[in-house]
Amino acid sequence: LVYRGFVVNTVLVASVFVSASLFFLSDVISGFFNLNHNLGLLIRIISAGVFFRNLNAVFANFFLAEKKAFKGTLGYNVIERFILVVGALLVAFFDLGLIWLVLVFVLSLICAFLYTFIAYFLSNKVLAVRDSKILRSHRSEWIKYSLPLMLTSILLYILVWTDNFVI
């Protein structure tokens, strides 16, 4: 039994928190790596994509849980990558700067999220679970199980991106 509303709300709150933190701490982060001032602007732009990326992953995983792998992977893997490749080619063709490439990246995240979000609600129309009594009795178990996974995922995400920035 999956409580999708709880999952969406938790990811929504965490994504808004991480996005806001990245946005407001972008200059501190760019100063930490001792790089140029444009990195702060790039981090602020990327912070908008965190929200869309995380919610897109949630809805894609809902499709995978329902054994609708094609719908789950289409938005998350195909649409996002396609827009990113086409956008990168356009940025290279018109010799645009790095900021445009980051904007294309965020645009690809937004488009993939919109597809997955719309496809999910058109196919399911309901986000709540039928039996809320069962959910209330198991909510603490859900939190005890999910919180370490969420914190590990956040730490992994930070480590991967820190590695990319250092390289």
C-alpha atoms as a PDB file:
ATOM      1  CA  LEU A   1       0.000   0.000   0.000  1.00  0.00           C
ATOM      2  CA  VAL A   2       1.563   3.256  -1.119  1.00  0.00           C
ATOM      3  CA  TYR A   3       0.547   6.584   0.285  1.00  0.00           C
ATOM      4  CA  ARG A   4       1.266   8.726  -2.727  1.00  0.00           C
ATOM      5  CA  GLY A   5       0.046  11.976  -1.235  1.00  0.00           C
ATOM      6  CA  PHE A   6       2.535  11.633   1.612  1.00  0.00           C
ATOM      7  CA  VAL A   7       5.344  10.865  -0.818  1.00  0.00           C
ATOM      8  CA  VAL A   8       4.493  13.806  -3.075  1.00  0.00           C
ATOM      9  CA  ASN A   9       4.149  16.215  -0.145  1.00  0.00           C
ATOM     10  CA  THR A  10       7.425  15.092   1.412  1.00  0.00           C
ATOM     11  CA  VAL A  11       9.335  15.425  -1.859  1.00  0.00           C
ATOM     12  CA  LEU A  12       7.611  18.732  -2.557  1.00  0.00           C
ATOM     13  CA  VAL A  13       8.651  20.227   0.789  1.00  0.00           C
ATOM     14  CA  ALA A  14      12.189  18.843   0.555  1.00  0.00           C
ATOM     15  CA  SER A  15      12.577  20.086  -3.031  1.00  0.00           C
ATOM     16  CA  VAL A  16      11.385  23.576  -2.167  1.00  0.00           C
ATOM     17  CA  PHE A  17      13.789  23.638   0.783  1.00  0.00           C
ATOM     18  CA  VAL A  18      16.768  22.454  -1.289  1.00  0.00           C
ATOM     19  CA  SER A  19      15.899  24.789  -4.176  1.00  0.00           C
ATOM     20  CA  ALA A  20      15.572  27.786  -1.868  1.00  0.00           C
ATOM     21  CA  SER A  21      18.791  26.867  -0.077  1.00  0.00           C
ATOM     22  CA  LEU A  22      20.685  26.581  -3.349  1.00  0.00           C
ATOM     23  CA  PHE A  23      19.211  29.842  -4.594  1.00  0.00           C
ATOM     24  CA  PHE A  24      20.068  31.871  -1.516  1.00  0.00           C
ATOM     25  CA  LEU A  25      23.436  30.201  -0.844  1.00  0.00           C
ATOM     26  CA  SER A  26      24.623  30.221  -4.457  1.00  0.00           C
ATOM     27  CA  ASP A  27      27.211  32.941  -3.886  1.00  0.00           C
ATOM     28  CA  VAL A  28      28.522  31.170  -0.784  1.00  0.00           C
ATOM     29  CA  ILE A  29      28.832  27.914  -2.737  1.00  0.00           C
ATOM     30  CA  SER A  30      30.625  29.592  -5.633  1.00  0.00           C
ATOM     31  CA  GLY A  31      32.930  31.340  -3.145  1.00  0.00           C
ATOM     32  CA  PHE A  32      33.676  28.001  -1.477  1.00  0.00           C
ATOM     33  CA  PHE A  33      34.973  26.581  -4.739  1.00  0.00           C
ATOM     34  CA  ASN A  34      36.809  29.860  -5.386  1.00  0.00           C
ATOM     35  CA  LEU A  35      35.485  30.119  -8.919  1.00  0.00           C
ATOM     36  CA  ASN A  36      34.192  33.055 -10.917  1.00  0.00           C
ATOM     37  CA  HIS A  37      31.053  34.962  -9.993  1.00  0.00           C
ATOM     38  CA  ASN A  38      29.044  33.387 -12.851  1.00  0.00           C
ATOM     39  CA  LEU A  39      28.886  30.109 -10.938  1.00  0.00           C
ATOM     40  CA  GLY A  40      26.507  31.752  -8.455  1.00  0.00           C
ATOM     41  CA  LEU A  41      24.164  32.692 -11.298  1.00  0.00           C
ATOM     42  CA  LEU A  42      24.381  29.180 -12.746  1.00  0.00           C
ATOM     43  CA  ILE A  43      23.560  27.639  -9.367  1.00  0.00           C
ATOM     44  CA  ARG A  44      20.542  29.953  -9.022  1.00  0.00           C
ATOM     45  CA  ILE A  45      19.290  28.816 -12.429  1.00  0.00           C
ATOM     46  CA  ILE A  46      19.903  25.145 -11.598  1.00  0.00           C
ATOM     47  CA  SER A  47      18.074  25.557  -8.284  1.00  0.00           C
ATOM     48  CA  ALA A  48      14.848  25.980 -10.254  1.00  0.00           C
ATOM     49  CA  GLY A  49      15.429  22.586 -11.858  1.00  0.00           C
ATOM     50  CA  VAL A  50      15.781  20.698  -8.558  1.00  0.00           C
ATOM     51  CA  PHE A  51      12.062  21.017  -7.884  1.00  0.00           C
ATOM     52  CA  PHE A  52      11.060  19.684 -11.311  1.00  0.00           C
ATOM     53  CA  ARG A  53      13.656  16.898 -11.330  1.00  0.00           C
ATOM     54  CA  ASN A  54      12.581  15.483  -7.973  1.00  0.00           C
ATOM     55  CA  LEU A  55       8.846  15.553  -8.671  1.00  0.00           C
ATOM     56  CA  ASN A  56       9.442  14.074 -12.107  1.00  0.00           C
ATOM     57  CA  ALA A  57      11.306  11.195 -10.462  1.00  0.00           C
ATOM     58  CA  VAL A  58       8.401  10.631  -8.057  1.00  0.00           C
ATOM     59  CA  PHE A  59       5.773  10.436 -10.782  1.00  0.00           C
ATOM     60  CA  ALA A  60       8.034   8.285 -12.979  1.00  0.00           C
ATOM     61  CA  ASN A  61       8.455   5.878 -10.067  1.00  0.00           C
ATOM     62  CA  PHE A  62       4.675   5.810  -9.582  1.00  0.00           C
ATOM     63  CA  PHE A  63       4.403   4.578 -13.169  1.00  0.00           C
ATOM     64  CA  LEU A  64       7.086   1.964 -12.535  1.00  0.00           C
ATOM     65  CA  ALA A  65       5.254   0.805  -9.398  1.00  0.00           C
ATOM     66  CA  GLU A  66       2.107   0.373 -11.495  1.00  0.00           C
ATOM     67  CA  LYS A  67       4.123  -1.675 -14.034  1.00  0.00           C
ATOM     68  CA  LYS A  68       3.789   1.011 -16.686  1.00  0.00           C
ATOM     69  CA  ALA A  69       7.506   1.253 -17.397  1.00  0.00           C
ATOM     70  CA  PHE A  70       7.126   2.859 -20.824  1.00  0.00           C
ATOM     71  CA  LYS A  71       5.218   5.839 -19.469  1.00  0.00           C
ATOM     72  CA  GLY A  72       7.611   6.120 -16.532  1.00  0.00           C
ATOM     73  CA  THR A  73      10.744   6.149 -18.611  1.00  0.00           C
ATOM     74  CA  LEU A  74       9.436   8.183 -21.528  1.00  0.00           C
ATOM     75  CA  GLY A  75       9.332  11.484 -19.686  1.00  0.00           C
ATOM     76  CA  TYR A  76      12.193  10.847 -17.330  1.00  0.00           C
ATOM     77  CA  ASN A  77      14.701   9.379 -19.773  1.00  0.00           C
ATOM     78  CA  VAL A  78      13.584  10.123 -23.325  1.00  0.00           C
ATOM     79  CA  ILE A  79      11.960  13.572 -23.358  1.00  0.00           C
ATOM     80  CA  GLU A  80      14.445  15.109 -20.945  1.00  0.00           C
ATOM     81  CA  ARG A  81      17.464  13.740 -22.828  1.00  0.00           C
ATOM     82  CA  PHE A  82      16.049  14.617 -26.242  1.00  0.00           C
ATOM     83  CA  ILE A  83      15.425  18.252 -25.318  1.00  0.00           C
ATOM     84  CA  LEU A  84      18.838  18.430 -23.675  1.00  0.00           C
ATOM     85  CA  VAL A  85      20.644  17.069 -26.763  1.00  0.00           C
ATOM     86  CA  VAL A  86      18.715  19.262 -29.211  1.00  0.00           C
ATOM     87  CA  GLY A  87      19.221  22.287 -26.967  1.00  0.00           C
ATOM     88  CA  ALA A  88      22.943  21.586 -26.598  1.00  0.00           C
ATOM     89  CA  LEU A  89      23.270  21.310 -30.365  1.00  0.00           C
ATOM     90  CA  LEU A  90      21.455  24.640 -30.791  1.00  0.00           C
ATOM     91  CA  VAL A  91      23.657  26.276 -28.168  1.00  0.00           C
ATOM     92  CA  ALA A  92      26.751  24.964 -29.964  1.00  0.00           C
ATOM     93  CA  PHE A  93      25.430  25.931 -33.407  1.00  0.00           C
ATOM     94  CA  PHE A  94      24.623  29.503 -32.398  1.00  0.00           C
ATOM     95  CA  ASP A  95      27.752  29.711 -30.227  1.00  0.00           C
ATOM     96  CA  LEU A  96      25.811  30.721 -27.124  1.00  0.00           C
ATOM     97  CA  GLY A  97      27.307  30.798 -23.650  1.00  0.00           C
ATOM     98  CA  LEU A  98      27.215  28.441 -20.700  1.00  0.00           C
ATOM     99  CA  ILE A  99      24.201  30.217 -19.216  1.00  0.00           C
ATOM    100  CA  TRP A 100      22.142  29.203 -22.239  1.00  0.00           C
ATOM    101  CA  LEU A 101      23.231  25.609 -21.824  1.00  0.00           C
ATOM    102  CA  VAL A 102      22.100  25.644 -18.192  1.00  0.00           C
ATOM    103  CA  LEU A 103      18.785  27.195 -19.256  1.00  0.00           C
ATOM    104  CA  VAL A 104      18.328  24.383 -21.775  1.00  0.00           C
ATOM    105  CA  PHE A 105      19.047  21.875 -18.990  1.00  0.00           C
ATOM    106  CA  VAL A 106      16.364  23.400 -16.765  1.00  0.00           C
ATOM    107  CA  LEU A 107      13.951  23.575 -19.712  1.00  0.00           C
ATOM    108  CA  SER A 108      14.484  19.850 -20.349  1.00  0.00           C
ATOM    109  CA  LEU A 109      13.671  19.128 -16.693  1.00  0.00           C
ATOM    110  CA  ILE A 110      10.505  21.224 -16.874  1.00  0.00           C
ATOM    111  CA  CYS A 111       9.287  19.566 -20.088  1.00  0.00           C
ATOM    112  CA  ALA A 112       9.925  16.060 -18.773  1.00  0.00           C
ATOM    113  CA  PHE A 113       8.112  16.907 -15.538  1.00  0.00           C
ATOM    114  CA  LEU A 114       5.121  18.324 -17.406  1.00  0.00           C
ATOM    115  CA  TYR A 115       4.804  15.191 -19.526  1.00  0.00           C
ATOM    116  CA  THR A 116       5.086  12.834 -16.558  1.00  0.00           C
ATOM    117  CA  PHE A 117       2.760  14.908 -14.380  1.00  0.00           C
ATOM    118  CA  ILE A 118       0.055  15.240 -17.037  1.00  0.00           C
ATOM    119  CA  ALA A 119       0.327  11.597 -18.099  1.00  0.00           C
ATOM    120  CA  TYR A 120       0.061  10.416 -14.503  1.00  0.00           C
ATOM    121  CA  PHE A 121      -3.032  12.442 -13.684  1.00  0.00           C
ATOM    122  CA  LEU A 122      -4.724  11.590 -16.958  1.00  0.00           C
ATOM    123  CA  SER A 123      -4.209   7.885 -16.288  1.00  0.00           C
ATOM    124  CA  ASN A 124      -5.010   7.828 -12.561  1.00  0.00           C
ATOM    125  CA  LYS A 125      -7.035  10.961 -11.763  1.00  0.00           C
ATOM    126  CA  VAL A 126      -6.729  10.230  -8.027  1.00  0.00           C
ATOM    127  CA  LEU A 127      -3.672  10.735  -5.816  1.00  0.00           C
ATOM    128  CA  ALA A 128      -5.101   9.568  -2.506  1.00  0.00           C
ATOM    129  CA  VAL A 129      -5.221   6.113  -1.020  1.00  0.00           C
ATOM    130  CA  ARG A 130      -8.580   4.556  -0.337  1.00  0.00           C
ATOM    131  CA  ASP A 131      -8.098   3.384   3.225  1.00  0.00           C
ATOM    132  CA  SER A 132      -6.727   6.247   5.326  1.00  0.00           C
ATOM    133  CA  LYS A 133      -7.092   4.329   8.624  1.00  0.00           C
ATOM    134  CA  ILE A 134      -4.379   1.891   7.593  1.00  0.00           C
ATOM    135  CA  LEU A 135      -2.162   4.802   6.619  1.00  0.00           C
ATOM    136  CA  ARG A 136      -2.568   6.606   9.907  1.00  0.00           C
ATOM    137  CA  SER A 137      -1.566   3.502  11.831  1.00  0.00           C
ATOM    138  CA  HIS A 138       1.573   2.999   9.724  1.00  0.00           C
ATOM    139  CA  ARG A 139       2.714   6.611   9.287  1.00  0.00           C
ATOM    140  CA  SER A 140       5.521   6.395  11.870  1.00  0.00           C
ATOM    141  CA  GLU A 141       6.799   3.210  10.238  1.00  0.00           C
ATOM    142  CA  TRP A 142       6.858   5.014   6.889  1.00  0.00           C
ATOM    143  CA  ILE A 143       8.853   7.886   8.300  1.00  0.00           C
ATOM    144  CA  LYS A 144      11.328   5.566  10.053  1.00  0.00           C
ATOM    145  CA  TYR A 145      11.824   3.676   6.801  1.00  0.00           C
ATOM    146  CA  SER A 146      11.844   6.637   4.388  1.00  0.00           C
ATOM    147  CA  LEU A 147      13.843   9.250   6.276  1.00  0.00           C
ATOM    148  CA  PRO A 148      17.226   7.471   6.080  1.00  0.00           C
ATOM    149  CA  LEU A 149      16.650   6.747   2.399  1.00  0.00           C
ATOM    150  CA  MET A 150      15.806  10.376   1.708  1.00  0.00           C
ATOM    151  CA  LEU A 151      18.809  11.684   3.640  1.00  0.00           C
ATOM    152  CA  THR A 152      21.117   9.215   1.888  1.00  0.00           C
ATOM    153  CA  SER A 153      19.758  10.296  -1.494  1.00  0.00           C
ATOM    154  CA  ILE A 154      20.272  13.966  -0.684  1.00  0.00           C
ATOM    155  CA  LEU A 155      23.826  13.296   0.492  1.00  0.00           C
ATOM    156  CA  LEU A 156      24.568  11.267  -2.641  1.00  0.00           C
ATOM    157  CA  TYR A 157      23.164  14.036  -4.838  1.00  0.00           C
ATOM    158  CA  ILE A 158      25.351  16.630  -3.099  1.00  0.00           C
ATOM    159  CA  LEU A 159      28.448  14.424  -3.376  1.00  0.00           C
ATOM    160  CA  VAL A 160      27.916  13.746  -7.076  1.00  0.00           C
ATOM    161  CA  TRP A 161      27.421  17.415  -7.899  1.00  0.00           C
ATOM    162  CA  THR A 162      30.338  18.482  -5.706  1.00  0.00           C
ATOM    163  CA  ASP A 163      32.504  16.034  -7.623  1.00  0.00           C
ATOM    164  CA  ASN A 164      31.277  17.520 -10.914  1.00  0.00           C
ATOM    165  CA  PHE A 165      31.981  21.080  -9.783  1.00  0.00           C
ATOM    166  CA  VAL A 166      35.475  20.212  -8.583  1.00  0.00           C
ATOM    167  CA  ILE A 167      36.334  18.466 -11.860  1.00  0.00           C
END
